[in-house]
Amino acid sequence: MKAYAGLTVFTGDLKMPIISDAIIVIEEGKIIYVGSEERGWHYLEEAEEFVKLDGKLIIPGMANNNVFLNSFLHLLSDHPSRKITETFSSFLNMHIPSDFELSAKWGAVTAVKNGVTHMIGMFIWEKGMDPAKVLKTLENIPVHMIASPLVKLKDLNEDLLKLFKSYDLIPTVKFDESLEEKLPQLARFEETSVVRYLIPNWDHLDKLFLSSIGKKAIEISIGSGIFSSNVQVVHGGGFSTGDLDVLAVRNVEVVKSPRFEYMLGSKSGDIQEYVVRSMRLSLGTSVFDLSPVNEVKLALFTEFSFWNSTKVLKDGMYKLLFQSSYDFYSNVLGSQCGRIREGYEATFVVVNTLGNIETLDDFMDFMLRKWDPSLIDRVLVEGEEIYVNKQIRFVDEYQLMQSISKKRRAD
């Protein structure tokens, strides 16, 4: 049993959002008590380990629902001036060096430094890859990472889908001109499995369908049985308002990475169209900055005419950071996460606040105006301290960097 005391806790639960002068008690990776020190004093006497963190803030570990792991090898290129154009080109064409273990480890390191404890790690699936090795790598990474193999739709086949399903891998399928031919396969897979559709340019497919068979792509897709509630659409570039109306009715989840989409010149970075339809919406990021907080800030402030008051901004930040982005992990993994609550996993971030936080307004103001990853004191996943005093504890960072540099030179 381990106890942390002297805390201000943001619980993630709006019924009781802030607990001041709190203690958190952890046993076997779970929170067994969170509340006032006065009420839980006996835990302090029983705890084998006691950590005093006077004045620090506890928040739930954040979720990042789309990280392109392979791109980390480009970002650590020996040619910094080529990083951005190289990464964008590689993302669009899927020509990129691949080493899942190195990419996953560096992705986890970078995520944790930004307060992220849950992530969907998308990686290019190459012929001959061993799913068992992918899962073995994840076992050695304490971050909750869902491995999502990225495949082009034209390369998809029944054997590959069966392989992913047998290992509980959630594929990300990059849509292309073969959509009409592949619709029956996708529909069968959706019936029993979760799948992600990477759609950078839907309007291009729309034009192809209209010219070839005189119908819109969304009409043919829905008629074939795809876009169910088992689907997570990534980016969703080129959807019309009518398309979004259809997806909203079918309860399709959408993952937005506003900054990355804006940098690609896509208007799909806008999130207000999804919000007004009450769609399931969560956040991913570009590999240039894995901070979901910065992603939310850009999304909200660039649409300030929609988020037209501080209260609306704070509500939007709460929903995107501490509510909707966790749903996928709860549904897919069955994990109790995203809350600092008794019975939930002890996965949270300890932050230096530079001031008092007594109310929910104080907390949201801190997140909007003052949050910076440098303020993170430590990160815990299921009770294990994996990042303390700027030091990663689950991997040797220097050795990992050396291995990545060696890989880059070889490529």
Protein backbone atom coordinates (compact mmCIF):
# COMPACT_ATOMS: atom_id res chain seq x y z
CA MET A 1 0.00 0.00 0.00
CA LYS A 2 1.29 3.45 -0.98
CA ALA A 3 -0.10 6.86 -0.04
CA TYR A 4 0.33 10.31 -1.58
CA ALA A 5 -0.66 13.30 0.58
CA GLY A 6 -0.93 17.09 0.50
CA LEU A 7 -2.64 17.11 -2.87
CA THR A 8 -5.24 18.98 -4.83
CA VAL A 9 -7.10 16.41 -6.95
CA PHE A 10 -9.01 17.01 -10.16
CA THR A 11 -11.13 13.88 -10.16
CA GLY A 12 -12.47 14.12 -13.71
CA ASP A 13 -15.97 13.77 -12.25
CA LEU A 14 -18.04 16.95 -12.45
CA LYS A 15 -20.18 15.86 -9.49
CA MET A 16 -17.10 16.36 -7.27
CA PRO A 17 -14.40 17.85 -9.50
CA ILE A 18 -11.92 19.19 -6.94
CA ILE A 19 -10.74 17.69 -3.65
CA SER A 20 -8.38 19.89 -1.62
CA ASP A 21 -5.89 18.72 1.02
CA ALA A 22 -6.39 15.20 -0.26
CA ILE A 23 -4.64 11.88 -0.03
CA ILE A 24 -4.62 9.09 -2.60
CA VAL A 25 -4.00 5.53 -1.46
CA ILE A 26 -2.94 2.85 -3.95
CA GLU A 27 -2.91 -0.90 -3.63
CA GLU A 28 -2.20 -3.40 -6.42
CA GLY A 29 -2.42 -0.68 -9.06
CA LYS A 30 -5.86 0.53 -7.99
CA ILE A 31 -7.02 3.58 -6.05
CA ILE A 32 -8.53 2.31 -2.80
CA TYR A 33 -9.05 5.73 -1.26
CA VAL A 34 -9.18 9.33 -2.48
CA GLY A 35 -10.43 12.03 -0.17
CA SER A 36 -9.57 14.23 2.76
CA GLU A 37 -6.61 13.44 4.98
CA GLU A 38 -8.86 13.82 8.01
CA ARG A 39 -11.21 11.05 6.87
CA GLY A 40 -8.47 8.74 5.62
CA TRP A 41 -5.81 9.25 8.30
CA HIS A 42 -5.70 5.52 9.15
CA TYR A 43 -4.43 4.73 5.63
CA LEU A 44 -1.37 6.89 6.29
CA GLU A 45 -0.56 4.73 9.32
CA GLU A 46 -1.00 1.49 7.36
CA ALA A 47 0.85 2.52 4.18
CA GLU A 48 4.23 0.88 3.54
CA GLU A 49 5.28 3.95 1.54
CA PHE A 50 4.24 7.56 2.08
CA VAL A 51 4.96 10.47 -0.30
CA LYS A 52 4.25 14.07 0.69
CA LEU A 53 3.47 16.26 -2.33
CA ASP A 54 2.35 19.50 -0.74
CA GLY A 55 0.57 21.85 -3.12
CA LYS A 56 0.79 19.64 -6.18
CA LEU A 57 -2.14 18.87 -8.48
CA ILE A 58 -3.26 15.41 -9.55
CA ILE A 59 -5.08 14.93 -12.86
CA PRO A 60 -6.06 11.75 -14.73
CA GLY A 61 -3.50 10.59 -17.26
CA MET A 62 -4.54 11.95 -20.66
CA ALA A 63 -5.47 10.02 -23.81
CA ASN A 64 -4.09 10.48 -27.33
CA ASN A 65 -6.19 8.54 -29.82
CA ASN A 66 -3.98 8.78 -32.88
CA VAL A 67 -0.19 8.70 -32.93
CA PHE A 68 1.64 7.69 -36.11
CA LEU A 69 4.51 5.76 -34.53
CA ASN A 70 6.65 5.26 -37.63
CA SER A 71 7.04 9.00 -38.05
CA PHE A 72 9.26 9.24 -34.98
CA LEU A 73 12.07 7.73 -37.04
CA HIS A 74 11.71 10.65 -39.46
CA LEU A 75 11.57 13.26 -36.73
CA LEU A 76 14.92 12.02 -35.42
CA SER A 77 16.41 12.28 -38.89
CA ASP A 78 19.98 13.47 -39.38
CA HIS A 79 18.55 16.11 -41.74
CA PRO A 80 16.34 18.36 -39.56
CA SER A 81 15.41 20.70 -42.41
CA ARG A 82 13.73 17.80 -44.19
CA LYS A 83 11.73 16.58 -41.21
CA ILE A 84 8.39 18.21 -41.95
CA THR A 85 8.22 17.63 -45.70
CA GLU A 86 9.65 14.13 -45.28
CA THR A 87 7.12 13.19 -42.61
CA PHE A 88 4.11 14.58 -44.50
CA SER A 89 5.14 12.86 -47.72
CA SER A 90 5.75 9.58 -45.93
CA PHE A 91 2.42 9.79 -44.12
CA LEU A 92 0.50 10.28 -47.35
CA ASN A 93 2.39 7.66 -49.34
CA MET A 94 3.21 5.24 -46.49
CA HIS A 95 6.87 5.09 -47.50
CA ILE A 96 8.69 5.23 -44.21
CA PRO A 97 11.33 3.30 -42.25
CA SER A 98 9.69 0.79 -39.94
CA ASP A 99 10.78 -0.63 -36.63
CA PHE A 100 7.81 -1.15 -34.37
CA GLU A 101 9.76 -1.69 -31.16
CA LEU A 102 11.88 1.47 -31.50
CA SER A 103 8.93 3.56 -32.67
CA ALA A 104 6.63 2.32 -29.90
CA LYS A 105 9.20 2.93 -27.17
CA TRP A 106 10.02 6.44 -28.37
CA GLY A 107 6.33 7.18 -28.82
CA ALA A 108 5.67 6.09 -25.25
CA VAL A 109 8.56 8.20 -23.91
CA THR A 110 7.34 11.29 -25.76
CA ALA A 111 3.73 10.71 -24.74
CA VAL A 112 4.51 10.31 -21.04
CA LYS A 113 6.48 13.56 -21.01
CA ASN A 114 3.25 15.23 -22.18
CA GLY A 115 1.09 13.62 -19.50
CA VAL A 116 -0.33 10.97 -21.86
CA THR A 117 -0.91 7.52 -20.39
CA HIS A 118 -3.34 6.09 -22.97
CA MET A 119 -2.65 6.09 -26.69
CA ILE A 120 -3.54 4.43 -29.98
CA GLY A 121 -0.26 3.73 -31.73
CA MET A 122 -0.74 3.46 -35.49
CA PHE A 123 2.10 1.76 -37.39
CA ILE A 124 2.60 0.63 -40.97
CA TRP A 125 1.93 -3.07 -41.35
CA GLU A 126 4.58 -4.76 -43.45
CA LYS A 127 4.40 -8.18 -45.02
CA GLY A 128 5.94 -10.78 -42.72
CA MET A 129 5.41 -8.85 -39.48
CA ASP A 130 4.74 -11.04 -36.46
CA PRO A 131 1.71 -9.94 -34.39
CA ALA A 132 3.05 -11.85 -31.38
CA LYS A 133 6.21 -9.69 -31.42
CA VAL A 134 4.08 -6.54 -31.59
CA LEU A 135 2.14 -7.62 -28.50
CA LYS A 136 5.35 -8.65 -26.72
CA THR A 137 6.75 -5.16 -27.28
CA LEU A 138 3.63 -3.63 -25.75
CA GLU A 139 3.98 -5.84 -22.67
CA ASN A 140 7.29 -4.09 -21.92
CA ILE A 141 5.81 -0.59 -22.26
CA PRO A 142 3.82 0.58 -19.23
CA VAL A 143 1.74 3.08 -21.20
CA HIS A 144 -1.70 1.77 -22.23
CA MET A 145 -0.99 1.54 -25.94
CA ILE A 146 -3.45 0.02 -28.40
CA ALA A 147 -1.46 -1.20 -31.41
CA SER A 148 -3.21 -0.34 -34.66
CA PRO A 149 -1.61 -1.73 -37.85
CA LEU A 150 -2.01 0.67 -40.77
CA VAL A 151 -2.80 -0.92 -44.15
CA LYS A 152 -3.85 0.46 -47.51
CA LEU A 153 -7.35 -0.59 -48.45
CA LYS A 154 -6.16 -2.02 -51.77
CA ASP A 155 -3.77 -4.36 -49.87
CA LEU A 156 -6.44 -5.61 -47.48
CA ASN A 157 -7.65 -9.21 -47.73
CA GLU A 158 -9.61 -11.75 -45.68
CA ASP A 159 -6.49 -13.52 -44.39
CA LEU A 160 -5.04 -10.29 -43.08
CA LEU A 161 -8.27 -9.34 -41.34
CA LYS A 162 -8.46 -12.79 -39.74
CA LEU A 163 -4.87 -12.40 -38.54
CA PHE A 164 -5.61 -9.03 -36.91
CA LYS A 165 -8.75 -10.38 -35.28
CA SER A 166 -7.00 -13.45 -33.89
CA TYR A 167 -4.49 -11.20 -32.09
CA ASP A 168 -7.04 -8.55 -31.05
CA LEU A 169 -5.28 -5.92 -33.16
CA ILE A 170 -7.46 -3.00 -34.26
CA PRO A 171 -6.51 -2.16 -37.85
CA THR A 172 -6.40 1.32 -39.35
CA VAL A 173 -7.43 1.07 -43.00
CA LYS A 174 -6.34 3.94 -45.28
CA PHE A 175 -9.12 4.46 -47.81
CA ASP A 176 -8.27 4.62 -51.51
CA GLU A 177 -9.87 4.10 -54.93
CA SER A 178 -10.49 0.41 -54.23
CA LEU A 179 -13.30 1.24 -51.78
CA GLU A 180 -16.17 -0.05 -53.94
CA GLU A 181 -14.46 -3.43 -54.44
CA LYS A 182 -13.58 -3.81 -50.74
CA LEU A 183 -16.92 -2.79 -49.22
CA PRO A 184 -18.18 -6.38 -48.64
CA GLN A 185 -14.95 -7.30 -46.75
CA LEU A 186 -15.19 -4.21 -44.55
CA ALA A 187 -18.87 -4.80 -43.80
CA ARG A 188 -18.24 -8.39 -42.67
CA PHE A 189 -15.35 -7.32 -40.46
CA GLU A 190 -17.34 -4.48 -38.88
CA GLU A 191 -20.06 -6.89 -37.77
CA THR A 192 -17.85 -8.40 -35.07
CA SER A 193 -14.76 -6.18 -34.76
CA VAL A 194 -13.65 -2.62 -34.14
CA VAL A 195 -11.91 -0.96 -37.09
CA ARG A 196 -10.45 2.48 -37.81
CA TYR A 197 -10.78 4.18 -41.21
CA LEU A 198 -8.09 6.70 -42.10
CA ILE A 199 -9.80 9.10 -44.51
CA PRO A 200 -7.66 12.03 -45.63
CA ASN A 201 -9.69 12.86 -48.75
CA TRP A 202 -13.32 11.69 -48.85
CA ASP A 203 -14.42 14.21 -51.48
CA HIS A 204 -12.02 12.58 -53.96
CA LEU A 205 -13.79 9.25 -53.45
CA ASP A 206 -17.13 11.01 -53.76
CA LYS A 207 -16.21 12.31 -57.21
CA LEU A 208 -15.10 8.83 -58.30
CA PHE A 209 -18.38 7.25 -57.22
CA LEU A 210 -20.47 9.98 -58.82
CA SER A 211 -18.64 9.68 -62.14
CA SER A 212 -18.66 5.85 -62.22
CA ILE A 213 -22.08 4.90 -60.83
CA GLY A 214 -23.86 8.20 -60.27
CA LYS A 215 -24.18 7.88 -56.50
CA LYS A 216 -22.44 9.52 -53.56
CA ALA A 217 -19.77 7.53 -51.70
CA ILE A 218 -21.62 7.77 -48.39
CA GLU A 219 -24.79 6.33 -49.97
CA ILE A 220 -22.94 3.32 -51.42
CA SER A 221 -20.96 2.79 -48.20
CA ILE A 222 -23.99 2.84 -45.91
CA GLY A 223 -25.93 0.62 -48.31
CA SER A 224 -23.09 -1.91 -48.17
CA GLY A 225 -23.17 -2.02 -44.37
CA ILE A 226 -20.07 -0.06 -43.34
CA PHE A 227 -19.79 2.89 -40.97
CA SER A 228 -21.33 1.22 -37.92
CA SER A 229 -20.79 2.14 -34.27
CA ASN A 230 -17.76 -0.20 -34.37
CA VAL A 231 -15.93 2.34 -36.54
CA GLN A 232 -13.48 5.06 -35.58
CA VAL A 233 -12.91 7.52 -38.45
CA VAL A 234 -9.49 9.20 -38.37
CA HIS A 235 -9.29 12.79 -39.74
CA GLY A 236 -12.38 12.57 -41.98
CA GLY A 237 -11.11 15.01 -44.56
CA GLY A 238 -13.67 16.05 -47.19
CA PHE A 239 -16.90 15.00 -45.49
CA SER A 240 -19.85 17.22 -46.41
CA THR A 241 -22.39 18.34 -43.82
CA GLY A 242 -24.78 15.77 -45.28
CA ASP A 243 -22.17 13.03 -44.83
CA LEU A 244 -21.67 14.05 -41.21
CA ASP A 245 -25.42 13.93 -40.60
CA VAL A 246 -25.41 10.28 -41.73
CA LEU A 247 -22.36 9.35 -39.62
CA ALA A 248 -23.88 11.05 -36.55
CA VAL A 249 -27.06 8.99 -36.83
CA ARG A 250 -24.97 5.82 -37.05
CA ASN A 251 -22.97 6.78 -33.92
CA VAL A 252 -19.60 6.66 -35.69
CA GLU A 253 -16.69 7.97 -33.62
CA VAL A 254 -14.32 10.52 -35.17
CA VAL A 255 -10.72 11.20 -34.16
CA LYS A 256 -9.47 14.69 -34.99
CA SER A 257 -5.88 15.96 -35.03
CA PRO A 258 -6.58 19.64 -35.74
CA ARG A 259 -3.01 20.94 -35.91
CA PHE A 260 -1.82 18.15 -38.19
CA GLU A 261 -4.87 18.59 -40.43
CA TYR A 262 -4.38 22.35 -40.61
CA MET A 263 -0.71 21.87 -41.51
CA LEU A 264 -1.77 19.58 -44.33
CA GLY A 265 -4.02 22.35 -45.58
CA SER A 266 -7.22 20.52 -44.70
CA LYS A 267 -10.33 22.23 -43.38
CA SER A 268 -11.18 19.02 -41.56
CA GLY A 269 -9.35 20.35 -38.52
CA ASP A 270 -12.58 22.16 -37.57
CA ILE A 271 -14.39 20.30 -34.83
CA GLN A 272 -17.50 22.43 -34.38
CA GLU A 273 -19.41 20.47 -37.04
CA TYR A 274 -18.93 17.31 -34.99
CA VAL A 275 -19.80 18.97 -31.71
CA VAL A 276 -23.10 20.45 -32.89
CA ARG A 277 -24.16 16.95 -34.01
CA SER A 278 -23.23 15.47 -30.60
CA MET A 279 -20.94 13.00 -32.34
CA ARG A 280 -18.47 10.82 -30.47
CA LEU A 281 -15.30 12.88 -30.81
CA SER A 282 -11.79 12.28 -29.50
CA LEU A 283 -8.33 13.71 -30.06
CA GLY A 284 -5.15 12.60 -31.72
CA THR A 285 -2.04 14.67 -32.41
CA SER A 286 0.75 15.10 -34.88
CA VAL A 287 4.07 13.55 -33.91
CA PHE A 288 5.56 17.04 -33.65
CA ASP A 289 3.80 17.58 -30.32
CA LEU A 290 1.95 14.82 -28.48
CA SER A 291 0.23 17.19 -26.05
CA PRO A 292 -3.57 16.79 -26.19
CA VAL A 293 -3.81 20.08 -24.26
CA ASN A 294 -2.12 22.02 -27.05
CA GLU A 295 -4.31 20.22 -29.59
CA VAL A 296 -7.46 21.32 -27.76
CA LYS A 297 -6.23 24.88 -27.39
CA LEU A 298 -5.63 25.24 -31.11
CA ALA A 299 -8.93 23.61 -32.02
CA LEU A 300 -10.92 25.82 -29.66
CA PHE A 301 -9.17 29.13 -30.20
CA THR A 302 -9.14 28.90 -34.00
CA GLU A 303 -12.92 28.47 -33.85
CA PHE A 304 -13.47 31.10 -31.17
CA SER A 305 -16.53 32.49 -32.95
CA PHE A 306 -18.16 29.16 -32.15
CA TRP A 307 -16.62 28.70 -28.70
CA ASN A 308 -17.61 32.29 -27.99
CA SER A 309 -17.13 32.52 -24.23
CA THR A 310 -14.64 31.42 -21.64
CA LYS A 311 -17.23 29.10 -20.12
CA VAL A 312 -17.86 27.38 -23.45
CA LEU A 313 -14.12 27.07 -24.00
CA LYS A 314 -13.67 25.44 -20.60
CA ASP A 315 -16.60 23.08 -21.19
CA GLY A 316 -15.14 22.11 -24.56
CA MET A 317 -11.71 21.46 -23.08
CA TYR A 318 -13.19 19.30 -20.31
CA LYS A 319 -15.20 17.16 -22.73
CA LEU A 320 -12.32 16.63 -25.16
CA LEU A 321 -9.58 16.05 -22.60
CA PHE A 322 -11.29 14.26 -19.75
CA GLN A 323 -14.44 12.69 -21.10
CA SER A 324 -14.81 11.56 -24.72
CA SER A 325 -11.18 10.62 -25.38
CA TYR A 326 -11.32 7.84 -22.74
CA ASP A 327 -14.44 6.15 -24.08
CA PHE A 328 -12.55 4.04 -26.60
CA TYR A 329 -10.32 2.48 -23.92
CA SER A 330 -13.26 1.76 -21.66
CA ASN A 331 -15.20 0.13 -24.51
CA VAL A 332 -12.32 -1.80 -26.09
CA LEU A 333 -10.12 -2.63 -23.10
CA GLY A 334 -12.78 -2.61 -20.42
CA SER A 335 -10.47 -0.50 -18.27
CA GLN A 336 -11.69 1.95 -15.66
CA CYS A 337 -9.68 5.02 -16.51
CA GLY A 338 -9.95 8.77 -16.85
CA ARG A 339 -11.11 9.38 -13.29
CA ILE A 340 -9.41 9.73 -9.91
CA ARG A 341 -11.91 7.57 -8.09
CA GLU A 342 -11.89 4.60 -5.73
CA GLY A 343 -11.83 1.35 -7.69
CA TYR A 344 -10.28 2.99 -10.78
CA GLU A 345 -6.74 2.27 -11.91
CA ALA A 346 -4.09 4.45 -10.29
CA THR A 347 -3.06 6.17 -13.50
CA PHE A 348 -2.50 9.89 -13.09
CA VAL A 349 -0.20 12.86 -13.54
CA VAL A 350 1.27 14.99 -10.73
CA VAL A 351 1.69 18.65 -11.71
CA ASN A 352 3.23 21.78 -10.24
CA THR A 353 0.49 24.43 -10.52
CA LEU A 354 2.26 27.73 -9.69
CA GLY A 355 -0.76 28.76 -7.63
CA ASN A 356 -3.83 27.61 -5.74
CA ILE A 357 -6.58 25.61 -7.40
CA GLU A 358 -9.74 25.52 -5.33
CA THR A 359 -12.56 25.29 -7.88
CA LEU A 360 -13.30 23.72 -11.26
CA ASP A 361 -13.00 27.19 -12.81
CA ASP A 362 -9.51 27.55 -11.32
CA PHE A 363 -8.52 24.19 -12.76
CA MET A 364 -9.83 24.85 -16.27
CA ASP A 365 -8.22 28.29 -16.25
CA PHE A 366 -4.91 26.62 -15.36
CA MET A 367 -5.28 24.13 -18.23
CA LEU A 368 -6.19 26.86 -20.74
CA ARG A 369 -3.63 29.45 -19.76
CA LYS A 370 -0.78 27.92 -17.80
CA TRP A 371 -0.42 24.25 -18.68
CA ASP A 372 3.03 23.24 -19.87
CA PRO A 373 4.61 19.75 -19.91
CA SER A 374 7.58 21.15 -17.99
CA LEU A 375 5.27 21.44 -14.96
CA ILE A 376 4.85 17.66 -14.75
CA ASP A 377 6.42 16.30 -11.57
CA ARG A 378 5.70 12.60 -12.09
CA VAL A 379 3.48 10.17 -13.99
CA LEU A 380 1.99 6.96 -12.60
CA VAL A 381 0.44 4.07 -14.54
CA GLU A 382 -1.42 1.51 -12.43
CA GLY A 383 0.46 2.70 -9.37
CA GLU A 384 3.93 2.50 -10.92
CA GLU A 385 5.96 5.73 -11.15
CA ILE A 386 7.20 5.70 -14.74
CA TYR A 387 8.37 9.35 -14.96
CA VAL A 388 9.83 11.25 -12.01
CA ASN A 389 11.82 14.51 -11.93
CA LYS A 390 12.18 14.57 -15.74
CA GLN A 391 13.51 11.01 -15.80
CA ILE A 392 11.86 8.15 -17.68
CA ARG A 393 12.06 4.96 -15.63
CA PHE A 394 10.91 2.25 -18.04
CA VAL A 395 13.61 2.61 -20.70
CA ASP A 396 17.15 3.96 -21.04
CA GLU A 397 16.53 7.09 -23.15
CA TYR A 398 20.15 7.51 -24.22
CA GLN A 399 20.44 3.91 -25.38
CA LEU A 400 17.10 4.20 -27.18
CA MET A 401 18.25 7.33 -29.02
CA GLN A 402 21.45 5.57 -30.06
CA SER A 403 19.44 2.65 -31.45
CA ILE A 404 17.15 4.97 -33.40
CA SER A 405 20.10 6.91 -34.84
CA LYS A 406 21.67 3.64 -35.92
CA LYS A 407 18.41 2.61 -37.59
CA ARG A 408 18.16 5.95 -39.42
CA ARG A 409 21.70 5.69 -40.74
CA ALA A 410 21.03 2.15 -41.96
CA ASP A 411 17.96 3.35 -43.85
